[in-house]
Amino acid sequence: MIDTRNGGYPLDPETLTQTTGPMEGMMGDRVVYDRFEVLQDAIVAVGKRGEDYGTPRENMDRTANILNALLADKLKHPISPGDVCMIMAGVKLARLMNQPEHHDSQVDTAGWISLMAEVA
């Protein structure tokens, strides 16, 4: 069940930052995060971004409008807010191809994909 008192997040982001952390030593000297930690960190990141940038819908609408203006002569169809999420996830995936273990890019990719549920 989602607790609407904390912005609709299933868990309190403050609690998540206290309970998540890397599992150490599983891959030599490299810090390894499990899938739940990546997803929990994405919940925290998406929540904090909302405080800074407004709702996902507002932000993705603004971004889509900017991209449509910049690329007007090149587009066959306008970019939608859902397209913005896919573009940003694509940027993060390209970064992960260079450094697959990069935690922030893993978290950001999960966050962008989750935002599609709200704006697509």
PDB file of N, CA and C in Angstrom:
ATOM      1  N   MET A   1       0.835  -1.173   0.000  1.00  0.00           N
ATOM      2  CA  MET A   1       0.000   0.000   0.000  1.00  0.00           C
ATOM      3  C   MET A   1       0.887   1.246   0.000  1.00  0.00           C
ATOM      4  N   ILE A   2       0.454   2.254  -0.751  1.00  0.00           N
ATOM      5  CA  ILE A   2       1.222   3.493  -0.860  1.00  0.00           C
ATOM      6  C   ILE A   2       0.743   4.484   0.184  1.00  0.00           C
ATOM      7  N   ASP A   3       1.671   5.066   0.896  1.00  0.00           N
ATOM      8  CA  ASP A   3       1.377   6.055   1.921  1.00  0.00           C
ATOM      9  C   ASP A   3       1.378   7.435   1.263  1.00  0.00           C
ATOM     10  N   THR A   4       0.196   8.018   1.069  1.00  0.00           N
ATOM     11  CA  THR A   4       0.105   9.297   0.377  1.00  0.00           C
ATOM     12  C   THR A   4       0.612  10.458   1.221  1.00  0.00           C
ATOM     13  N   ARG A   5       0.828  10.241   2.503  1.00  0.00           N
ATOM     14  CA  ARG A   5       1.343  11.316   3.348  1.00  0.00           C
ATOM     15  C   ARG A   5       2.776  11.682   2.990  1.00  0.00           C
ATOM     16  N   ASN A   6       3.516  10.786   2.356  1.00  0.00           N
ATOM     17  CA  ASN A   6       4.895  11.097   2.011  1.00  0.00           C
ATOM     18  C   ASN A   6       5.070  11.213   0.496  1.00  0.00           C
ATOM     19  N   GLY A   7       4.090  11.791  -0.175  1.00  0.00           N
ATOM     20  CA  GLY A   7       4.200  12.019  -1.618  1.00  0.00           C
ATOM     21  C   GLY A   7       3.870  10.807  -2.451  1.00  0.00           C
ATOM     22  N   GLY A   8       3.240   9.801  -1.871  1.00  0.00           N
ATOM     23  CA  GLY A   8       2.848   8.630  -2.636  1.00  0.00           C
ATOM     24  C   GLY A   8       3.928   7.573  -2.754  1.00  0.00           C
ATOM     25  N   TYR A   9       4.989   7.715  -2.003  1.00  0.00           N
ATOM     26  CA  TYR A   9       6.053   6.727  -2.076  1.00  0.00           C
ATOM     27  C   TYR A   9       5.726   5.552  -1.167  1.00  0.00           C
ATOM     28  N   PRO A  10       6.027   4.333  -1.602  1.00  0.00           N
ATOM     29  CA  PRO A  10       5.692   3.168  -0.794  1.00  0.00           C
ATOM     30  C   PRO A  10       6.437   3.131   0.534  1.00  0.00           C
ATOM     31  N   LEU A  11       7.607   3.735   0.579  1.00  0.00           N
ATOM     32  CA  LEU A  11       8.399   3.761   1.799  1.00  0.00           C
ATOM     33  C   LEU A  11       8.891   5.175   2.020  1.00  0.00           C
ATOM     34  N   ASP A  12       9.143   5.513   3.240  1.00  0.00           N
ATOM     35  CA  ASP A  12       9.644   6.838   3.577  1.00  0.00           C
ATOM     36  C   ASP A  12      11.074   6.995   3.053  1.00  0.00           C
ATOM     37  N   PRO A  13      11.325   7.955   2.139  1.00  0.00           N
ATOM     38  CA  PRO A  13      12.678   8.114   1.591  1.00  0.00           C
ATOM     39  C   PRO A  13      13.745   8.328   2.653  1.00  0.00           C
ATOM     40  N   GLU A  14      13.414   8.992   3.748  1.00  0.00           N
ATOM     41  CA  GLU A  14      14.396   9.213   4.822  1.00  0.00           C
ATOM     42  C   GLU A  14      14.808   7.894   5.454  1.00  0.00           C
ATOM     43  N   THR A  15      13.851   6.999   5.651  1.00  0.00           N
ATOM     44  CA  THR A  15      14.146   5.681   6.203  1.00  0.00           C
ATOM     45  C   THR A  15      15.024   4.891   5.239  1.00  0.00           C
ATOM     46  N   LEU A  16      14.740   5.004   3.947  1.00  0.00           N
ATOM     47  CA  LEU A  16      15.521   4.254   2.967  1.00  0.00           C
ATOM     48  C   LEU A  16      16.986   4.659   2.984  1.00  0.00           C
ATOM     49  N   THR A  17      17.250   5.942   3.148  1.00  0.00           N
ATOM     50  CA  THR A  17      18.645   6.362   3.144  1.00  0.00           C
ATOM     51  C   THR A  17      19.378   5.817   4.360  1.00  0.00           C
ATOM     52  N   GLN A  18      18.649   5.515   5.418  1.00  0.00           N
ATOM     53  CA  GLN A  18      19.282   4.974   6.616  1.00  0.00           C
ATOM     54  C   GLN A  18      19.469   3.464   6.540  1.00  0.00           C
ATOM     55  N   THR A  19      18.660   2.785   5.722  1.00  0.00           N
ATOM     56  CA  THR A  19      18.687   1.329   5.722  1.00  0.00           C
ATOM     57  C   THR A  19      19.388   0.733   4.512  1.00  0.00           C
ATOM     58  N   THR A  20      19.679   1.540   3.506  1.00  0.00           N
ATOM     59  CA  THR A  20      20.328   0.987   2.330  1.00  0.00           C
ATOM     60  C   THR A  20      21.817   1.272   2.381  1.00  0.00           C
ATOM     61  N   GLY A  21      22.542   0.441   1.699  1.00  0.00           N
ATOM     62  CA  GLY A  21      23.980   0.636   1.622  1.00  0.00           C
ATOM     63  C   GLY A  21      24.593  -0.497   0.844  1.00  0.00           C
ATOM     64  N   PRO A  22      25.821  -0.324   0.456  1.00  0.00           N
ATOM     65  CA  PRO A  22      26.460  -1.335  -0.381  1.00  0.00           C
ATOM     66  C   PRO A  22      26.790  -2.612   0.382  1.00  0.00           C
ATOM     67  N   MET A  23      26.761  -3.708  -0.350  1.00  0.00           N
ATOM     68  CA  MET A  23      27.283  -4.971   0.160  1.00  0.00           C
ATOM     69  C   MET A  23      28.754  -4.976  -0.240  1.00  0.00           C
ATOM     70  N   GLU A  24      29.646  -5.133   0.680  1.00  0.00           N
ATOM     71  CA  GLU A  24      31.058  -5.034   0.348  1.00  0.00           C
ATOM     72  C   GLU A  24      31.714  -6.401   0.255  1.00  0.00           C
ATOM     73  N   GLY A  25      32.745  -6.461  -0.572  1.00  0.00           N
ATOM     74  CA  GLY A  25      33.585  -7.627  -0.640  1.00  0.00           C
ATOM     75  C   GLY A  25      33.102  -8.736  -1.563  1.00  0.00           C
ATOM     76  N   MET A  26      31.952  -8.582  -2.172  1.00  0.00           N
ATOM     77  CA  MET A  26      31.447  -9.659  -3.013  1.00  0.00           C
ATOM     78  C   MET A  26      32.168  -9.735  -4.354  1.00  0.00           C
ATOM     79  N   MET A  27      32.719  -8.618  -4.822  1.00  0.00           N
ATOM     80  CA  MET A  27      33.407  -8.589  -6.110  1.00  0.00           C
ATOM     81  C   MET A  27      34.792  -7.968  -5.931  1.00  0.00           C
ATOM     82  N   GLY A  28      35.597  -8.547  -5.067  1.00  0.00           N
ATOM     83  CA  GLY A  28      36.922  -7.996  -4.816  1.00  0.00           C
ATOM     84  C   GLY A  28      36.813  -6.694  -4.045  1.00  0.00           C
ATOM     85  N   ASP A  29      37.479  -5.674  -4.559  1.00  0.00           N
ATOM     86  CA  ASP A  29      37.465  -4.371  -3.891  1.00  0.00           C
ATOM     87  C   ASP A  29      36.277  -3.509  -4.321  1.00  0.00           C
ATOM     88  N   ARG A  30      35.544  -3.961  -5.336  1.00  0.00           N
ATOM     89  CA  ARG A  30      34.428  -3.179  -5.860  1.00  0.00           C
ATOM     90  C   ARG A  30      33.209  -3.268  -4.949  1.00  0.00           C
ATOM     91  N   VAL A  31      32.550  -2.157  -4.721  1.00  0.00           N
ATOM     92  CA  VAL A  31      31.311  -2.132  -3.948  1.00  0.00           C
ATOM     93  C   VAL A  31      30.188  -2.639  -4.843  1.00  0.00           C
ATOM     94  N   VAL A  32      29.385  -3.551  -4.316  1.00  0.00           N
ATOM     95  CA  VAL A  32      28.300  -4.145  -5.091  1.00  0.00           C
ATOM     96  C   VAL A  32      26.973  -3.833  -4.404  1.00  0.00           C
ATOM     97  N   TYR A  33      26.006  -3.370  -5.182  1.00  0.00           N
ATOM     98  CA  TYR A  33      24.670  -3.086  -4.678  1.00  0.00           C
ATOM     99  C   TYR A  33      23.723  -4.148  -5.210  1.00  0.00           C
ATOM    100  N   ASP A  34      22.759  -4.570  -4.396  1.00  0.00           N
ATOM    101  CA  ASP A  34      21.783  -5.509  -4.920  1.00  0.00           C
ATOM    102  C   ASP A  34      20.629  -4.747  -5.569  1.00  0.00           C
ATOM    103  N   ARG A  35      19.761  -5.442  -6.272  1.00  0.00           N
ATOM    104  CA  ARG A  35      18.685  -4.809  -7.042  1.00  0.00           C
ATOM    105  C   ARG A  35      17.742  -4.006  -6.162  1.00  0.00           C
ATOM    106  N   PHE A  36      17.519  -4.441  -4.943  1.00  0.00           N
ATOM    107  CA  PHE A  36      16.617  -3.720  -4.061  1.00  0.00           C
ATOM    108  C   PHE A  36      17.218  -2.388  -3.623  1.00  0.00           C
ATOM    109  N   GLU A  37      18.523  -2.372  -3.394  1.00  0.00           N
ATOM    110  CA  GLU A  37      19.188  -1.126  -3.025  1.00  0.00           C
ATOM    111  C   GLU A  37      19.133  -0.122  -4.172  1.00  0.00           C
ATOM    112  N   VAL A  38      19.334  -0.609  -5.393  1.00  0.00           N
ATOM    113  CA  VAL A  38      19.254   0.286  -6.549  1.00  0.00           C
ATOM    114  C   VAL A  38      17.847   0.872  -6.646  1.00  0.00           C
ATOM    115  N   LEU A  39      16.828   0.035  -6.501  1.00  0.00           N
ATOM    116  CA  LEU A  39      15.448   0.519  -6.589  1.00  0.00           C
ATOM    117  C   LEU A  39      15.094   1.445  -5.425  1.00  0.00           C
ATOM    118  N   GLN A  40      15.547   1.115  -4.229  1.00  0.00           N
ATOM    119  CA  GLN A  40      15.291   1.991  -3.081  1.00  0.00           C
ATOM    120  C   GLN A  40      15.973   3.340  -3.255  1.00  0.00           C
ATOM    121  N   ASP A  41      17.198   3.323  -3.753  1.00  0.00           N
ATOM    122  CA  ASP A  41      17.909   4.578  -3.993  1.00  0.00           C
ATOM    123  C   ASP A  41      17.208   5.388  -5.084  1.00  0.00           C
ATOM    124  N   ALA A  42      16.625   4.710  -6.071  1.00  0.00           N
ATOM    125  CA  ALA A  42      15.871   5.406  -7.125  1.00  0.00           C
ATOM    126  C   ALA A  42      14.628   6.078  -6.543  1.00  0.00           C
ATOM    127  N   ILE A  43      13.952   5.421  -5.600  1.00  0.00           N
ATOM    128  CA  ILE A  43      12.785   6.027  -4.941  1.00  0.00           C
ATOM    129  C   ILE A  43      13.193   7.317  -4.249  1.00  0.00           C
ATOM    130  N   VAL A  44      14.304   7.274  -3.548  1.00  0.00           N
ATOM    131  CA  VAL A  44      14.791   8.459  -2.850  1.00  0.00           C
ATOM    132  C   VAL A  44      15.139   9.555  -3.857  1.00  0.00           C
ATOM    133  N   ALA A  45      15.855   9.199  -4.915  1.00  0.00           N
ATOM    134  CA  ALA A  45      16.286  10.185  -5.912  1.00  0.00           C
ATOM    135  C   ALA A  45      15.092  10.836  -6.600  1.00  0.00           C
ATOM    136  N   VAL A  46      14.120  10.042  -7.007  1.00  0.00           N
ATOM    137  CA  VAL A  46      12.940  10.583  -7.691  1.00  0.00           C
ATOM    138  C   VAL A  46      12.178  11.514  -6.757  1.00  0.00           C
ATOM    139  N   GLY A  47      12.070  11.154  -5.498  1.00  0.00           N
ATOM    140  CA  GLY A  47      11.386  12.013  -4.529  1.00  0.00           C
ATOM    141  C   GLY A  47      12.095  13.335  -4.334  1.00  0.00           C
ATOM    142  N   LYS A  48      13.408  13.294  -4.225  1.00  0.00           N
ATOM    143  CA  LYS A  48      14.180  14.526  -4.032  1.00  0.00           C
ATOM    144  C   LYS A  48      14.138  15.407  -5.272  1.00  0.00           C
ATOM    145  N   ARG A  49      14.145  14.807  -6.452  1.00  0.00           N
ATOM    146  CA  ARG A  49      14.087  15.593  -7.688  1.00  0.00           C
ATOM    147  C   ARG A  49      12.775  16.361  -7.774  1.00  0.00           C
ATOM    148  N   GLY A  50      11.696  15.748  -7.299  1.00  0.00           N
ATOM    149  CA  GLY A  50      10.402  16.414  -7.313  1.00  0.00           C
ATOM    150  C   GLY A  50      10.406  17.686  -6.492  1.00  0.00           C
ATOM    151  N   GLU A  51      11.146  17.659  -5.392  1.00  0.00           N
ATOM    152  CA  GLU A  51      11.257  18.859  -4.551  1.00  0.00           C
ATOM    153  C   GLU A  51      11.966  19.983  -5.303  1.00  0.00           C
ATOM    154  N   ASP A  52      12.929  19.622  -6.140  1.00  0.00           N
ATOM    155  CA  ASP A  52      13.731  20.622  -6.854  1.00  0.00           C
ATOM    156  C   ASP A  52      13.107  21.074  -8.175  1.00  0.00           C
ATOM    157  N   TYR A  53      12.437  20.153  -8.878  1.00  0.00           N
ATOM    158  CA  TYR A  53      12.035  20.427 -10.257  1.00  0.00           C
ATOM    159  C   TYR A  53      10.533  20.430 -10.502  1.00  0.00           C
ATOM    160  N   GLY A  54       9.733  20.193  -9.502  1.00  0.00           N
ATOM    161  CA  GLY A  54       8.286  20.123  -9.701  1.00  0.00           C
ATOM    162  C   GLY A  54       7.849  18.702  -9.995  1.00  0.00           C
ATOM    163  N   THR A  55       6.580  18.536 -10.318  1.00  0.00           N
ATOM    164  CA  THR A  55       6.063  17.191 -10.581  1.00  0.00           C
ATOM    165  C   THR A  55       6.706  16.620 -11.835  1.00  0.00           C
ATOM    166  N   PRO A  56       6.754  15.298 -11.940  1.00  0.00           N
ATOM    167  CA  PRO A  56       7.295  14.702 -13.166  1.00  0.00           C
ATOM    168  C   PRO A  56       6.557  15.183 -14.415  1.00  0.00           C
ATOM    169  N   ARG A  57       5.242  15.286 -14.342  1.00  0.00           N
ATOM    170  CA  ARG A  57       4.465  15.734 -15.506  1.00  0.00           C
ATOM    171  C   ARG A  57       4.882  17.142 -15.922  1.00  0.00           C
ATOM    172  N   GLU A  58       4.967  18.065 -14.966  1.00  0.00           N
ATOM    173  CA  GLU A  58       5.359  19.445 -15.286  1.00  0.00           C
ATOM    174  C   GLU A  58       6.750  19.482 -15.906  1.00  0.00           C
ATOM    175  N   ASN A  59       7.684  18.769 -15.296  1.00  0.00           N
ATOM    176  CA  ASN A  59       9.063  18.792 -15.764  1.00  0.00           C
ATOM    177  C   ASN A  59       9.210  18.140 -17.135  1.00  0.00           C
ATOM    178  N   MET A  60       8.551  17.002 -17.341  1.00  0.00           N
ATOM    179  CA  MET A  60       8.664  16.326 -18.632  1.00  0.00           C
ATOM    180  C   MET A  60       7.956  17.110 -19.733  1.00  0.00           C
ATOM    181  N   ASP A  61       6.846  17.785 -19.401  1.00  0.00           N
ATOM    182  CA  ASP A  61       6.178  18.661 -20.376  1.00  0.00           C
ATOM    183  C   ASP A  61       7.115  19.798 -20.794  1.00  0.00           C
ATOM    184  N   ARG A  62       7.763  20.442 -19.812  1.00  0.00           N
ATOM    185  CA  ARG A  62       8.700  21.531 -20.126  1.00  0.00           C
ATOM    186  C   ARG A  62       9.840  21.027 -20.995  1.00  0.00           C
ATOM    187  N   THR A  63      10.398  19.878 -20.610  1.00  0.00           N
ATOM    188  CA  THR A  63      11.523  19.322 -21.364  1.00  0.00           C
ATOM    189  C   THR A  63      11.102  18.954 -22.781  1.00  0.00           C
ATOM    190  N   ALA A  64       9.937  18.327 -22.920  1.00  0.00           N
ATOM    191  CA  ALA A  64       9.430  17.968 -24.256  1.00  0.00           C
ATOM    192  C   ALA A  64       9.230  19.216 -25.103  1.00  0.00           C
ATOM    193  N   ASN A  65       8.689  20.281 -24.526  1.00  0.00           N
ATOM    194  CA  ASN A  65       8.485  21.528 -25.271  1.00  0.00           C
ATOM    195  C   ASN A  65       9.807  22.117 -25.740  1.00  0.00           C
ATOM    196  N   ILE A  66      10.820  22.082 -24.885  1.00  0.00           N
ATOM    197  CA  ILE A  66      12.140  22.592 -25.259  1.00  0.00           C
ATOM    198  C   ILE A  66      12.734  21.760 -26.388  1.00  0.00           C
ATOM    199  N   LEU A  67      12.680  20.434 -26.253  1.00  0.00           N
ATOM    200  CA  LEU A  67      13.228  19.559 -27.294  1.00  0.00           C
ATOM    201  C   LEU A  67      12.478  19.727 -28.606  1.00  0.00           C
ATOM    202  N   ASN A  68      11.166  19.870 -28.548  1.00  0.00           N
ATOM    203  CA  ASN A  68      10.387  20.078 -29.762  1.00  0.00           C
ATOM    204  C   ASN A  68      10.770  21.386 -30.452  1.00  0.00           C
ATOM    205  N   ALA A  69      11.023  22.428 -29.669  1.00  0.00           N
ATOM    206  CA  ALA A  69      11.443  23.705 -30.250  1.00  0.00           C
ATOM    207  C   ALA A  69      12.839  23.589 -30.861  1.00  0.00           C
ATOM    208  N   LEU A  70      13.745  22.935 -30.154  1.00  0.00           N
ATOM    209  CA  LEU A  70      15.119  22.797 -30.656  1.00  0.00           C
ATOM    210  C   LEU A  70      15.211  21.926 -31.905  1.00  0.00           C
ATOM    211  N   LEU A  71      14.361  20.904 -31.974  1.00  0.00           N
ATOM    212  CA  LEU A  71      14.456  19.914 -33.053  1.00  0.00           C
ATOM    213  C   LEU A  71      13.308  19.998 -34.060  1.00  0.00           C
ATOM    214  N   ALA A  72      12.588  21.113 -34.081  1.00  0.00           N
ATOM    215  CA  ALA A  72      11.379  21.240 -34.898  1.00  0.00           C
ATOM    216  C   ALA A  72      11.615  20.868 -36.363  1.00  0.00           C
ATOM    217  N   ASP A  73      12.732  21.259 -36.921  1.00  0.00           N
ATOM    218  CA  ASP A  73      13.000  20.977 -38.334  1.00  0.00           C
ATOM    219  C   ASP A  73      13.393  19.526 -38.594  1.00  0.00           C
ATOM    220  N   LYS A  74      13.673  18.764 -37.562  1.00  0.00           N
ATOM    221  CA  LYS A  74      14.156  17.397 -37.729  1.00  0.00           C
ATOM    222  C   LYS A  74      13.132  16.342 -37.342  1.00  0.00           C
ATOM    223  N   LEU A  75      12.085  16.735 -36.645  1.00  0.00           N
ATOM    224  CA  LEU A  75      11.128  15.757 -36.112  1.00  0.00           C
ATOM    225  C   LEU A  75       9.965  15.513 -37.062  1.00  0.00           C
ATOM    226  N   LYS A  76       9.566  14.259 -37.163  1.00  0.00           N
ATOM    227  CA  LYS A  76       8.342  13.917 -37.893  1.00  0.00           C
ATOM    228  C   LYS A  76       7.133  14.035 -36.976  1.00  0.00           C
ATOM    229  N   HIS A  77       7.341  13.751 -35.684  1.00  0.00           N
ATOM    230  CA  HIS A  77       6.282  13.806 -34.674  1.00  0.00           C
ATOM    231  C   HIS A  77       6.852  14.488 -33.435  1.00  0.00           C
ATOM    232  N   PRO A  78       6.016  15.190 -32.682  1.00  0.00           N
ATOM    233  CA  PRO A  78       6.504  15.848 -31.465  1.00  0.00           C
ATOM    234  C   PRO A  78       6.978  14.834 -30.414  1.00  0.00           C
ATOM    235  N   ILE A  79       7.946  15.259 -29.636  1.00  0.00           N
ATOM    236  CA  ILE A  79       8.433  14.460 -28.518  1.00  0.00           C
ATOM    237  C   ILE A  79       7.448  14.605 -27.372  1.00  0.00           C
ATOM    238  N   SER A  80       7.103  13.483 -26.741  1.00  0.00           N
ATOM    239  CA  SER A  80       6.156  13.478 -25.626  1.00  0.00           C
ATOM    240  C   SER A  80       6.922  13.406 -24.300  1.00  0.00           C
ATOM    241  N   PRO A  81       6.224  13.646 -23.187  1.00  0.00           N
ATOM    242  CA  PRO A  81       6.880  13.467 -21.886  1.00  0.00           C
ATOM    243  C   PRO A  81       7.427  12.041 -21.701  1.00  0.00           C
ATOM    244  N   GLY A  82       6.710  11.035 -22.186  1.00  0.00           N
ATOM    245  CA  GLY A  82       7.213   9.664 -22.106  1.00  0.00           C
ATOM    246  C   GLY A  82       8.480   9.470 -22.924  1.00  0.00           C
ATOM    247  N   ASP A  83       8.539  10.146 -24.084  1.00  0.00           N
ATOM    248  CA  ASP A  83       9.748  10.093 -24.908  1.00  0.00           C
ATOM    249  C   ASP A  83      10.940  10.682 -24.155  1.00  0.00           C
ATOM    250  N   VAL A  84      10.705  11.760 -23.409  1.00  0.00           N
ATOM    251  CA  VAL A  84      11.780  12.376 -22.628  1.00  0.00           C
ATOM    252  C   VAL A  84      12.358  11.359 -21.651  1.00  0.00           C
ATOM    253  N   CYS A  85      11.486  10.613 -20.982  1.00  0.00           N
ATOM    254  CA  CYS A  85      11.963   9.589 -20.045  1.00  0.00           C
ATOM    255  C   CYS A  85      12.799   8.535 -20.762  1.00  0.00           C
ATOM    256  N   MET A  86      12.340   8.114 -21.938  1.00  0.00           N
ATOM    257  CA  MET A  86      13.106   7.110 -22.692  1.00  0.00           C
ATOM    258  C   MET A  86      14.447   7.666 -23.154  1.00  0.00           C
ATOM    259  N   ILE A  87      14.461   8.925 -23.584  1.00  0.00           N
ATOM    260  CA  ILE A  87      15.718   9.554 -24.011  1.00  0.00           C
ATOM    261  C   ILE A  87      16.703   9.606 -22.845  1.00  0.00           C
ATOM    262  N   MET A  88      16.220  10.048 -21.696  1.00  0.00           N
ATOM    263  CA  MET A  88      17.106  10.154 -20.536  1.00  0.00           C
ATOM    264  C   MET A  88      17.578   8.780 -20.062  1.00  0.00           C
ATOM    265  N   ALA A  89      16.686   7.787 -20.108  1.00  0.00           N
ATOM    266  CA  ALA A  89      17.108   6.419 -19.766  1.00  0.00           C
ATOM    267  C   ALA A  89      18.166   5.945 -20.759  1.00  0.00           C
ATOM    268  N   GLY A  90      17.999   6.316 -22.022  1.00  0.00           N
ATOM    269  CA  GLY A  90      18.983   5.955 -23.044  1.00  0.00           C
ATOM    270  C   GLY A  90      20.342   6.568 -22.773  1.00  0.00           C
ATOM    271  N   VAL A  91      20.354   7.824 -22.327  1.00  0.00           N
ATOM    272  CA  VAL A  91      21.613   8.488 -21.960  1.00  0.00           C
ATOM    273  C   VAL A  91      22.289   7.707 -20.833  1.00  0.00           C
ATOM    274  N   LYS A  92      21.509   7.333 -19.827  1.00  0.00           N
ATOM    275  CA  LYS A  92      22.063   6.590 -18.696  1.00  0.00           C
ATOM    276  C   LYS A  92      22.548   5.206 -19.126  1.00  0.00           C
ATOM    277  N   LEU A  93      21.796   4.542 -20.021  1.00  0.00           N
ATOM    278  CA  LEU A  93      22.226   3.230 -20.521  1.00  0.00           C
ATOM    279  C   LEU A  93      23.540   3.338 -21.291  1.00  0.00           C
ATOM    280  N   ALA A  94      23.696   4.401 -22.070  1.00  0.00           N
ATOM    281  CA  ALA A  94      24.950   4.598 -22.806  1.00  0.00           C
ATOM    282  C   ALA A  94      26.119   4.753 -21.837  1.00  0.00           C
ATOM    283  N   ARG A  95      25.886   5.446 -20.730  1.00  0.00           N
ATOM    284  CA  ARG A  95      26.937   5.594 -19.718  1.00  0.00           C
ATOM    285  C   ARG A  95      27.254   4.250 -19.057  1.00  0.00           C
ATOM    286  N   LEU A  96      26.202   3.465 -18.815  1.00  0.00           N
ATOM    287  CA  LEU A  96      26.413   2.149 -18.194  1.00  0.00           C
ATOM    288  C   LEU A  96      27.177   1.200 -19.113  1.00  0.00           C
ATOM    289  N   MET A  97      27.079   1.399 -20.411  1.00  0.00           N
ATOM    290  CA  MET A  97      27.850   0.554 -21.332  1.00  0.00           C
ATOM    291  C   MET A  97      29.346   0.763 -21.120  1.00  0.00           C
ATOM    292  N   ASN A  98      29.733   1.950 -20.710  1.00  0.00           N
ATOM    293  CA  ASN A  98      31.134   2.246 -20.439  1.00  0.00           C
ATOM    294  C   ASN A  98      31.552   1.769 -19.059  1.00  0.00           C
ATOM    295  N   GLN A  99      30.643   1.888 -18.091  1.00  0.00           N
ATOM    296  CA  GLN A  99      30.963   1.532 -16.709  1.00  0.00           C
ATOM    297  C   GLN A  99      29.716   0.879 -16.077  1.00  0.00           C
ATOM    298  N   PRO A 100      29.477  -0.420 -16.344  1.00  0.00           N
ATOM    299  CA  PRO A 100      28.250  -1.092 -15.908  1.00  0.00           C
ATOM    300  C   PRO A 100      28.007  -1.087 -14.408  1.00  0.00           C
ATOM    301  N   GLU A 101      29.046  -0.983 -13.618  1.00  0.00           N
ATOM    302  CA  GLU A 101      28.891  -1.041 -12.161  1.00  0.00           C
ATOM    303  C   GLU A 101      28.634   0.337 -11.539  1.00  0.00           C
ATOM    304  N   HIS A 102      28.522   1.384 -12.337  1.00  0.00           N
ATOM    305  CA  HIS A 102      28.348   2.746 -11.812  1.00  0.00           C
ATOM    306  C   HIS A 102      26.971   2.889 -11.167  1.00  0.00           C
ATOM    307  N   HIS A 103      26.976   2.970  -9.837  1.00  0.00           N
ATOM    308  CA  HIS A 103      25.734   2.946  -9.055  1.00  0.00           C
ATOM    309  C   HIS A 103      24.794   4.101  -9.403  1.00  0.00           C
ATOM    310  N   ASP A 104      25.300   5.307  -9.506  1.00  0.00           N
ATOM    311  CA  ASP A 104      24.432   6.453  -9.786  1.00  0.00           C
ATOM    312  C   ASP A 104      23.715   6.297 -11.129  1.00  0.00           C
ATOM    313  N   SER A 105      24.403   5.785 -12.128  1.00  0.00           N
ATOM    314  CA  SER A 105      23.753   5.581 -13.427  1.00  0.00           C
ATOM    315  C   SER A 105      22.708   4.468 -13.356  1.00  0.00           C
ATOM    316  N   GLN A 106      22.974   3.424 -12.569  1.00  0.00           N
ATOM    317  CA  GLN A 106      21.973   2.374 -12.364  1.00  0.00           C
ATOM    318  C   GLN A 106      20.727   2.957 -11.708  1.00  0.00           C
ATOM    319  N   VAL A 107      20.936   3.758 -10.679  1.00  0.00           N
ATOM    320  CA  VAL A 107      19.826   4.374  -9.946  1.00  0.00           C
ATOM    321  C   VAL A 107      19.055   5.322 -10.859  1.00  0.00           C
ATOM    322  N   ASP A 108      19.762   6.171 -11.592  1.00  0.00           N
ATOM    323  CA  ASP A 108      19.096   7.128 -12.473  1.00  0.00           C
ATOM    324  C   ASP A 108      18.307   6.438 -13.574  1.00  0.00           C
ATOM    325  N   THR A 109      18.845   5.347 -14.124  1.00  0.00           N
ATOM    326  CA  THR A 109      18.114   4.604 -15.155  1.00  0.00           C
ATOM    327  C   THR A 109      16.803   4.075 -14.589  1.00  0.00           C
ATOM    328  N   ALA A 110      16.849   3.468 -13.411  1.00  0.00           N
ATOM    329  CA  ALA A 110      15.627   2.971 -12.770  1.00  0.00           C
ATOM    330  C   ALA A 110      14.654   4.110 -12.504  1.00  0.00           C
ATOM    331  N   GLY A 111      15.170   5.254 -12.086  1.00  0.00           N
ATOM    332  CA  GLY A 111      14.317   6.408 -11.817  1.00  0.00           C
ATOM    333  C   GLY A 111      13.622   6.914 -13.061  1.00  0.00           C
ATOM    334  N   TRP A 112      14.345   7.037 -14.171  1.00  0.00           N
ATOM    335  CA  TRP A 112      13.723   7.516 -15.418  1.00  0.00           C
ATOM    336  C   TRP A 112      12.654   6.556 -15.911  1.00  0.00           C
ATOM    337  N   ILE A 113      12.922   5.265 -15.817  1.00  0.00           N
ATOM    338  CA  ILE A 113      11.927   4.281 -16.254  1.00  0.00           C
ATOM    339  C   ILE A 113      10.695   4.359 -15.361  1.00  0.00           C
ATOM    340  N   SER A 114      10.890   4.549 -14.056  1.00  0.00           N
ATOM    341  CA  SER A 114       9.736   4.627 -13.159  1.00  0.00           C
ATOM    342  C   SER A 114       8.880   5.863 -13.442  1.00  0.00           C
ATOM    343  N   LEU A 115       9.506   6.944 -13.858  1.00  0.00           N
ATOM    344  CA  LEU A 115       8.751   8.169 -14.160  1.00  0.00           C
ATOM    345  C   LEU A 115       7.824   7.986 -15.361  1.00  0.00           C
ATOM    346  N   MET A 116       8.158   7.062 -16.239  1.00  0.00           N
ATOM    347  CA  MET A 116       7.277   6.802 -17.382  1.00  0.00           C
ATOM    348  C   MET A 116       5.893   6.384 -16.948  1.00  0.00           C
ATOM    349  N   ALA A 117       5.799   5.724 -15.807  1.00  0.00           N
ATOM    350  CA  ALA A 117       4.490   5.281 -15.310  1.00  0.00           C
ATOM    351  C   ALA A 117       3.576   6.480 -15.046  1.00  0.00           C
ATOM    352  N   GLU A 118       4.161   7.625 -14.705  1.00  0.00           N
ATOM    353  CA  GLU A 118       3.366   8.813 -14.411  1.00  0.00           C
ATOM    354  C   GLU A 118       3.095   9.670 -15.625  1.00  0.00           C
ATOM    355  N   VAL A 119       3.983   9.668 -16.595  1.00  0.00           N
ATOM    356  CA  VAL A 119       3.866  10.643 -17.672  1.00  0.00           C
ATOM    357  C   VAL A 119       3.554  10.064 -19.043  1.00  0.00           C
ATOM    358  N   ALA A 120       3.723   8.783 -19.230  1.00  0.00           N
ATOM    359  CA  ALA A 120       3.518   8.200 -20.561  1.00  0.00           C
ATOM    360  C   ALA A 120       2.029   8.098 -20.903  1.00  0.00           C
TER     361      ALA A 120
END
